[in-house]
C-alpha atoms as a PDB file:
ATOM      1  CA  MET A   1      -1.961   6.344   2.216  1.00  0.00           C
ATOM      2  CA  LYS A   2      -3.048   3.547   4.529  1.00  0.00           C
ATOM      3  CA  LEU A   3      -0.289   1.528   6.203  1.00  0.00           C
ATOM      4  CA  VAL A   4      -0.999  -2.013   7.395  1.00  0.00           C
ATOM      5  CA  GLU A   5       1.707  -3.687   9.488  1.00  0.00           C
ATOM      6  CA  TYR A   6       1.883  -7.459   9.914  1.00  0.00           C
ATOM      7  CA  PRO A   7       3.713  -9.536  12.542  1.00  0.00           C
ATOM      8  CA  ASP A   8       5.387 -11.669   9.860  1.00  0.00           C
ATOM      9  CA  ARG A   9       5.660 -12.036   6.111  1.00  0.00           C
ATOM     10  CA  ASP A  10       3.677 -15.269   5.841  1.00  0.00           C
ATOM     11  CA  LEU A  11       0.645 -13.690   7.441  1.00  0.00           C
ATOM     12  CA  MET A  12       0.984 -10.652   5.201  1.00  0.00           C
ATOM     13  CA  MET A  13       1.075 -12.733   2.031  1.00  0.00           C
ATOM     14  CA  MET A  14      -1.978 -14.773   3.038  1.00  0.00           C
ATOM     15  CA  ALA A  15      -3.938 -11.686   4.053  1.00  0.00           C
ATOM     16  CA  LEU A  16      -3.036  -9.915   0.819  1.00  0.00           C
ATOM     17  CA  ALA A  17      -4.085 -12.891  -1.318  1.00  0.00           C
ATOM     18  CA  ASP A  18      -7.440 -12.906   0.472  1.00  0.00           C
ATOM     19  CA  ARG A  19      -7.843  -9.169  -0.059  1.00  0.00           C
ATOM     20  CA  ILE A  20      -7.042  -9.414  -3.769  1.00  0.00           C
ATOM     21  CA  ALA A  21      -9.483 -12.291  -4.225  1.00  0.00           C
ATOM     22  CA  SER A  22     -12.248 -10.365  -2.469  1.00  0.00           C
ATOM     23  CA  GLU A  23     -11.670  -7.262  -4.587  1.00  0.00           C
ATOM     24  CA  LEU A  24     -11.604  -9.258  -7.819  1.00  0.00           C
ATOM     25  CA  ALA A  25     -14.816 -11.035  -6.868  1.00  0.00           C
ATOM     26  CA  ALA A  26     -16.478  -7.692  -6.156  1.00  0.00           C
ATOM     27  CA  ALA A  27     -15.320  -6.336  -9.512  1.00  0.00           C
ATOM     28  CA  LEU A  28     -16.734  -9.371 -11.321  1.00  0.00           C
ATOM     29  CA  ARG A  29     -20.125  -8.819  -9.723  1.00  0.00           C
ATOM     30  CA  VAL A  30     -20.496  -5.471 -11.474  1.00  0.00           C
ATOM     31  CA  ALA A  31     -18.543  -5.976 -14.729  1.00  0.00           C
ATOM     32  CA  ASP A  32     -17.978  -8.637 -17.354  1.00  0.00           C
ATOM     33  CA  HIS A  33     -14.245  -8.722 -16.701  1.00  0.00           C
ATOM     34  CA  ALA A  34     -11.737  -7.757 -14.025  1.00  0.00           C
ATOM     35  CA  THR A  35      -8.075  -6.906 -14.496  1.00  0.00           C
ATOM     36  CA  LEU A  36      -5.328  -7.816 -12.037  1.00  0.00           C
ATOM     37  CA  ALA A  37      -1.901  -6.177 -12.446  1.00  0.00           C
ATOM     38  CA  VAL A  38       1.003  -7.584 -10.443  1.00  0.00           C
ATOM     39  CA  PRO A  39       4.765  -7.105 -10.096  1.00  0.00           C
ATOM     40  CA  GLY A  40       7.484  -9.556 -10.955  1.00  0.00           C
ATOM     41  CA  GLY A  41      10.372 -10.491  -8.717  1.00  0.00           C
ATOM     42  CA  THR A  42      10.373 -12.980  -5.873  1.00  0.00           C
ATOM     43  CA  THR A  43       8.416 -11.009  -3.257  1.00  0.00           C
ATOM     44  CA  PRO A  44       4.888 -11.658  -4.601  1.00  0.00           C
ATOM     45  CA  GLY A  45       5.491 -15.373  -5.199  1.00  0.00           C
ATOM     46  CA  PRO A  46       3.795 -16.534  -1.964  1.00  0.00           C
ATOM     47  CA  VAL A  47       0.761 -14.367  -2.803  1.00  0.00           C
ATOM     48  CA  PHE A  48       0.522 -16.069  -6.193  1.00  0.00           C
ATOM     49  CA  ASP A  49       0.810 -19.512  -4.604  1.00  0.00           C
ATOM     50  CA  THR A  50      -2.305 -18.853  -2.512  1.00  0.00           C
ATOM     51  CA  LEU A  51      -4.266 -16.815  -5.030  1.00  0.00           C
ATOM     52  CA  CYS A  52      -4.045 -19.351  -7.839  1.00  0.00           C
ATOM     53  CA  ALA A  53      -6.136 -21.836  -5.848  1.00  0.00           C
ATOM     54  CA  VAL A  54      -8.959 -19.415  -5.005  1.00  0.00           C
ATOM     55  CA  ASP A  55     -12.414 -20.044  -6.448  1.00  0.00           C
ATOM     56  CA  LEU A  56     -13.033 -17.166  -8.839  1.00  0.00           C
ATOM     57  CA  VAL A  57     -14.489 -16.998 -12.330  1.00  0.00           C
ATOM     58  CA  TRP A  58     -10.938 -16.832 -13.625  1.00  0.00           C
ATOM     59  CA  GLN A  59     -12.143 -17.037 -17.231  1.00  0.00           C
ATOM     60  CA  ARG A  60     -13.269 -13.434 -16.791  1.00  0.00           C
ATOM     61  CA  VAL A  61     -10.014 -12.195 -15.215  1.00  0.00           C
ATOM     62  CA  ARG A  62      -7.235 -10.573 -17.207  1.00  0.00           C
ATOM     63  CA  VAL A  63      -3.776 -10.695 -15.638  1.00  0.00           C
ATOM     64  CA  MET A  64      -0.914  -8.408 -16.585  1.00  0.00           C
ATOM     65  CA  LEU A  65       2.443  -7.436 -15.189  1.00  0.00           C
ATOM     66  CA  THR A  66       3.134  -3.914 -14.019  1.00  0.00           C
ATOM     67  CA  ASP A  67       6.423  -4.087 -15.941  1.00  0.00           C
ATOM     68  CA  GLU A  68       8.626  -6.542 -17.749  1.00  0.00           C
ATOM     69  CA  ARG A  69      12.270  -6.916 -18.658  1.00  0.00           C
ATOM     70  CA  TRP A  70      12.772  -7.219 -22.406  1.00  0.00           C
ATOM     71  CA  VAL A  71      13.877 -10.856 -22.270  1.00  0.00           C
ATOM     72  CA  PRO A  72      12.168 -14.034 -23.560  1.00  0.00           C
ATOM     73  CA  GLU A  73      10.302 -16.349 -21.221  1.00  0.00           C
ATOM     74  CA  SER A  74      13.195 -18.793 -21.449  1.00  0.00           C
ATOM     75  CA  SER A  75      15.263 -16.310 -19.411  1.00  0.00           C
ATOM     76  CA  ALA A  76      15.399 -16.662 -15.629  1.00  0.00           C
ATOM     77  CA  ARG A  77      14.913 -12.864 -15.519  1.00  0.00           C
ATOM     78  CA  SER A  78      11.511 -13.037 -17.210  1.00  0.00           C
ATOM     79  CA  ASN A  79       8.648 -11.862 -15.007  1.00  0.00           C
ATOM     80  CA  THR A  80       6.200 -13.497 -17.413  1.00  0.00           C
ATOM     81  CA  ARG A  81       7.863 -16.814 -16.685  1.00  0.00           C
ATOM     82  CA  LEU A  82       7.247 -16.290 -12.964  1.00  0.00           C
ATOM     83  CA  LEU A  83       3.577 -15.596 -13.634  1.00  0.00           C
ATOM     84  CA  ARG A  84       3.156 -18.762 -15.673  1.00  0.00           C
ATOM     85  CA  GLU A  85       4.891 -20.865 -13.024  1.00  0.00           C
ATOM     86  CA  ARG A  86       3.250 -19.484  -9.876  1.00  0.00           C
ATOM     87  CA  LEU A  87       0.040 -17.583 -10.670  1.00  0.00           C
ATOM     88  CA  LEU A  88      -1.409 -18.862 -13.951  1.00  0.00           C
ATOM     89  CA  VAL A  89      -1.708 -22.404 -12.617  1.00  0.00           C
ATOM     90  CA  ASP A  90      -4.366 -24.407 -10.761  1.00  0.00           C
ATOM     91  CA  LYS A  91      -7.729 -22.569 -10.942  1.00  0.00           C
ATOM     92  CA  ALA A  92      -6.066 -19.365 -12.176  1.00  0.00           C
ATOM     93  CA  ALA A  93      -4.825 -21.164 -15.298  1.00  0.00           C
ATOM     94  CA  ALA A  94      -8.145 -20.112 -16.858  1.00  0.00           C
ATOM     95  CA  ALA A  95      -7.243 -16.396 -16.614  1.00  0.00           C
ATOM     96  CA  THR A  96      -6.136 -14.453 -19.686  1.00  0.00           C
ATOM     97  CA  LEU A  97      -2.576 -13.137 -19.748  1.00  0.00           C
ATOM     98  CA  VAL A  98      -2.120  -9.654 -21.232  1.00  0.00           C
ATOM     99  CA  PRO A  99       1.478  -9.802 -22.501  1.00  0.00           C
ATOM    100  CA  LEU A 100       4.120  -7.136 -22.009  1.00  0.00           C
ATOM    101  CA  TYR A 101       6.747  -8.925 -24.105  1.00  0.00           C
ATOM    102  CA  ALA A 102       6.903 -10.036 -27.733  1.00  0.00           C
ATOM    103  CA  ASP A 103       9.768 -11.512 -29.707  1.00  0.00           C
ATOM    104  CA  ALA A 104      11.788  -8.586 -31.059  1.00  0.00           C
ATOM    105  CA  PRO A 105      15.255  -7.104 -30.494  1.00  0.00           C
ATOM    106  CA  VAL A 106      13.963  -3.958 -28.757  1.00  0.00           C
ATOM    107  CA  PRO A 107      10.625  -3.005 -27.139  1.00  0.00           C
ATOM    108  CA  GLU A 108       9.903  -0.247 -29.653  1.00  0.00           C
ATOM    109  CA  ASP A 109       9.520  -2.880 -32.393  1.00  0.00           C
ATOM    110  CA  ARG A 110       6.377  -4.327 -30.759  1.00  0.00           C
ATOM    111  CA  LEU A 111       5.268  -1.666 -28.306  1.00  0.00           C
ATOM    112  CA  ALA A 112       2.211  -0.501 -30.275  1.00  0.00           C
ATOM    113  CA  GLU A 113       0.583  -3.933 -30.400  1.00  0.00           C
ATOM    114  CA  LEU A 114       1.391  -4.661 -26.755  1.00  0.00           C
ATOM    115  CA  ALA A 115      -0.114  -1.313 -25.767  1.00  0.00           C
ATOM    116  CA  GLU A 116      -3.358  -2.193 -27.598  1.00  0.00           C
ATOM    117  CA  GLY A 117      -3.746  -5.261 -25.395  1.00  0.00           C
ATOM    118  CA  VAL A 118      -3.083  -3.251 -22.242  1.00  0.00           C
ATOM    119  CA  GLU A 119      -5.517  -0.496 -23.196  1.00  0.00           C
ATOM    120  CA  ALA A 120      -8.276  -3.035 -23.867  1.00  0.00           C
ATOM    121  CA  ALA A 121      -7.914  -4.375 -20.311  1.00  0.00           C
ATOM    122  CA  LEU A 122      -8.116  -0.999 -18.538  1.00  0.00           C
ATOM    123  CA  PRO A 123      -8.962   0.189 -15.981  1.00  0.00           C
ATOM    124  CA  ILE A 124      -7.080  -2.080 -13.616  1.00  0.00           C
ATOM    125  CA  SER A 125      -9.415  -3.531 -10.989  1.00  0.00           C
ATOM    126  CA  VAL A 126      -6.693  -4.557  -8.533  1.00  0.00           C
ATOM    127  CA  LEU A 127      -3.111  -3.307  -8.725  1.00  0.00           C
ATOM    128  CA  VAL A 128      -0.271  -4.810  -6.709  1.00  0.00           C
ATOM    129  CA  LEU A 129       3.080  -3.038  -6.738  1.00  0.00           C
ATOM    130  CA  GLY A 130       6.476  -3.545  -5.208  1.00  0.00           C
ATOM    131  CA  MET A 131       9.080  -0.913  -4.441  1.00  0.00           C
ATOM    132  CA  GLY A 132      12.865  -0.898  -4.563  1.00  0.00           C
ATOM    133  CA  ALA A 133      15.140   0.657  -1.974  1.00  0.00           C
ATOM    134  CA  ASP A 134      15.726   3.401  -4.567  1.00  0.00           C
ATOM    135  CA  MET A 135      11.984   4.183  -4.369  1.00  0.00           C
ATOM    136  CA  HIS A 136      11.198   2.912  -7.876  1.00  0.00           C
ATOM    137  CA  THR A 137       7.970   1.099  -8.621  1.00  0.00           C
ATOM    138  CA  ALA A 138       7.066  -0.881 -11.735  1.00  0.00           C
ATOM    139  CA  SER A 139       9.926   0.201 -14.045  1.00  0.00           C
ATOM    140  CA  LEU A 140       9.605   3.851 -13.108  1.00  0.00           C
ATOM    141  CA  PHE A 141      13.190   4.308 -11.923  1.00  0.00           C
ATOM    142  CA  PRO A 142      14.802   7.513 -10.661  1.00  0.00           C
ATOM    143  CA  GLY A 143      17.033   8.684 -13.474  1.00  0.00           C
ATOM    144  CA  ALA A 144      15.322   6.565 -16.153  1.00  0.00           C
ATOM    145  CA  ASP A 145      15.569   7.946 -19.656  1.00  0.00           C
ATOM    146  CA  ARG A 146      11.857   8.755 -20.108  1.00  0.00           C
ATOM    147  CA  LEU A 147      10.683   9.075 -16.525  1.00  0.00           C
ATOM    148  CA  PRO A 148       9.190  12.592 -16.834  1.00  0.00           C
ATOM    149  CA  GLU A 149       7.156  11.452 -19.836  1.00  0.00           C
ATOM    150  CA  ALA A 150       5.964   8.306 -18.051  1.00  0.00           C
ATOM    151  CA  LEU A 151       4.826  10.362 -15.053  1.00  0.00           C
ATOM    152  CA  SER A 152       2.848  12.790 -17.187  1.00  0.00           C
ATOM    153  CA  ASP A 153      -0.952  12.765 -17.092  1.00  0.00           C
ATOM    154  CA  SER A 154      -0.848  12.426 -20.879  1.00  0.00           C
ATOM    155  CA  ALA A 155       1.518   9.429 -20.915  1.00  0.00           C
ATOM    156  CA  PRO A 156       0.583   6.463 -23.117  1.00  0.00           C
ATOM    157  CA  ALA A 157      -0.476   3.340 -21.244  1.00  0.00           C
ATOM    158  CA  LEU A 158       2.753   1.470 -21.921  1.00  0.00           C
ATOM    159  CA  MET A 159       6.274   2.774 -22.417  1.00  0.00           C
ATOM    160  CA  ALA A 160       9.745   1.445 -23.002  1.00  0.00           C
ATOM    161  CA  MET A 161      12.178   2.489 -20.291  1.00  0.00           C
ATOM    162  CA  ARG A 162      15.922   2.308 -19.830  1.00  0.00           C
ATOM    163  CA  ALA A 163      17.587   3.108 -16.547  1.00  0.00           C
ATOM    164  CA  PRO A 164      21.030   3.116 -14.947  1.00  0.00           C
ATOM    165  CA  GLY A 165      21.666  -0.240 -13.325  1.00  0.00           C
ATOM    166  CA  ALA A 166      18.981  -2.055 -15.335  1.00  0.00           C
ATOM    167  CA  PRO A 167      20.873  -4.500 -17.582  1.00  0.00           C
ATOM    168  CA  GLU A 168      18.152  -4.720 -20.245  1.00  0.00           C
ATOM    169  CA  PRO A 169      15.388  -2.440 -21.553  1.00  0.00           C
ATOM    170  CA  ARG A 170      12.055  -2.557 -19.731  1.00  0.00           C
ATOM    171  CA  VAL A 171       8.440  -1.952 -20.612  1.00  0.00           C
ATOM    172  CA  THR A 172       6.260  -0.455 -17.927  1.00  0.00           C
ATOM    173  CA  LEU A 173       2.753   0.688 -17.190  1.00  0.00           C
ATOM    174  CA  THR A 174       2.815   4.457 -16.793  1.00  0.00           C
ATOM    175  CA  ALA A 175       1.716   6.680 -13.939  1.00  0.00           C
ATOM    176  CA  PRO A 176      -1.809   7.491 -15.212  1.00  0.00           C
ATOM    177  CA  VAL A 177      -2.561   3.793 -15.639  1.00  0.00           C
ATOM    178  CA  LEU A 178      -1.279   2.987 -12.144  1.00  0.00           C
ATOM    179  CA  ARG A 179      -3.198   5.884 -10.591  1.00  0.00           C
ATOM    180  CA  GLY A 180      -6.346   4.830 -12.449  1.00  0.00           C
ATOM    181  CA  ALA A 181      -6.541   1.452 -10.708  1.00  0.00           C
ATOM    182  CA  LEU A 182      -9.611   0.916  -8.542  1.00  0.00           C
ATOM    183  CA  HIS A 183      -7.609  -0.714  -5.724  1.00  0.00           C
ATOM    184  CA  VAL A 184      -3.883  -0.090  -5.187  1.00  0.00           C
ATOM    185  CA  HIS A 185      -1.689  -2.243  -2.936  1.00  0.00           C
ATOM    186  CA  LEU A 186       2.021  -1.655  -2.306  1.00  0.00           C
ATOM    187  CA  VAL A 187       3.888  -4.583  -0.750  1.00  0.00           C
ATOM    188  CA  ILE A 188       7.231  -4.057   1.005  1.00  0.00           C
ATOM    189  CA  THR A 189       9.343  -5.975   3.489  1.00  0.00           C
ATOM    190  CA  GLY A 190      12.216  -5.140   5.796  1.00  0.00           C
ATOM    191  CA  ALA A 191      13.596  -2.072   7.507  1.00  0.00           C
ATOM    192  CA  GLU A 192      15.403  -0.705   4.428  1.00  0.00           C
ATOM    193  CA  LYS A 193      12.240  -0.468   2.362  1.00  0.00           C
ATOM    194  CA  ARG A 194      10.242   0.912   5.273  1.00  0.00           C
ATOM    195  CA  ALA A 195      12.815   3.699   5.496  1.00  0.00           C
ATOM    196  CA  ALA A 196      12.587   4.214   1.717  1.00  0.00           C
ATOM    197  CA  LEU A 197       8.802   4.473   2.002  1.00  0.00           C
ATOM    198  CA  ASN A 198       9.125   7.135   4.689  1.00  0.00           C
ATOM    199  CA  GLN A 199      11.612   9.028   2.513  1.00  0.00           C
ATOM    200  CA  ALA A 200       9.326   8.835  -0.532  1.00  0.00           C
ATOM    201  CA  GLU A 201       6.408  10.148   1.499  1.00  0.00           C
ATOM    202  CA  LYS A 202       8.559  12.980   2.827  1.00  0.00           C
ATOM    203  CA  LEU A 203       9.935  13.925  -0.609  1.00  0.00           C
ATOM    204  CA  ASN A 204       6.555  13.680  -2.343  1.00  0.00           C
ATOM    205  CA  ASP A 205       8.403  14.127  -5.633  1.00  0.00           C
ATOM    206  CA  PRO A 206       7.825  11.377  -8.232  1.00  0.00           C
ATOM    207  CA  LEU A 207      10.926  12.387 -10.190  1.00  0.00           C
ATOM    208  CA  LYS A 208      13.115  11.608  -7.171  1.00  0.00           C
ATOM    209  CA  ALA A 209      10.831   8.936  -5.673  1.00  0.00           C
ATOM    210  CA  PRO A 210       8.603   7.510  -8.419  1.00  0.00           C
ATOM    211  CA  VAL A 211       6.568   5.439  -5.953  1.00  0.00           C
ATOM    212  CA  ALA A 212       5.186   8.725  -4.626  1.00  0.00           C
ATOM    213  CA  THR A 213       2.944   8.915  -7.672  1.00  0.00           C
ATOM    214  CA  ILE A 214       0.644   6.216  -6.242  1.00  0.00           C
ATOM    215  CA  LEU A 215       1.018   6.611  -2.471  1.00  0.00           C
ATOM    216  CA  LYS A 216      -1.961   8.879  -1.853  1.00  0.00           C
ATOM    217  CA  ASP A 217      -4.514   6.198  -2.775  1.00  0.00           C
ATOM    218  CA  ALA A 218      -2.481   3.107  -1.854  1.00  0.00           C
ATOM    219  CA  THR A 219      -2.778   0.583   0.910  1.00  0.00           C
ATOM    220  CA  VAL A 220       0.791  -0.221   1.948  1.00  0.00           C
ATOM    221  CA  HIS A 221       1.403  -3.700   3.359  1.00  0.00           C
ATOM    222  CA  TRP A 222       4.599  -4.080   5.387  1.00  0.00           C
ATOM    223  CA  ALA A 223       6.246  -6.803   7.421  1.00  0.00           C
ATOM    224  CA  GLU A 224       9.773  -7.063   8.755  1.00  0.00           C
END
């Protein structure tokens, strides 16, 4: 694990956007397509605001979420909605979205077809992850109903997940997909999450601290 500390969050977000753009450009020089996987939530928003204006051959970039709540885009809780509003705009509007949601009552109804789209876009060229204070990443939550299966080396690329405290079902990329990314970035802010990171590193047990599954090869970006 490589830890990069920044004097403030604004600088971190700008530096991370530049790093992502550079890594995507490098990937496009050696392959027909590049895949960028990003988290939802509010933390990565400033990264998206900068990245969307970068000159890249966005027509050859596939963008997917690391996980999604099973809600339609009309919901304020939709991570896909955030992507459309803040990343897939400006120059990045030309990128291709790999969906993690389809209209159905439960994820299992559409999981197979969504997984086909994910598998076609692998491996991930650049992976950006967040982490909760409970040491979850993507929708790999401690205590989730299928966490051991999702952490397995033989896990499918995409799984439905239900966890205590999560008000709706989730779909998530699984551990082997996350670990297979060419570049892994974990973005955290504040003292609470820095302490959670230290605890996850100390535990080194993905069942108790799921983020531990990607720490070995990750660059961790932190600002107070």
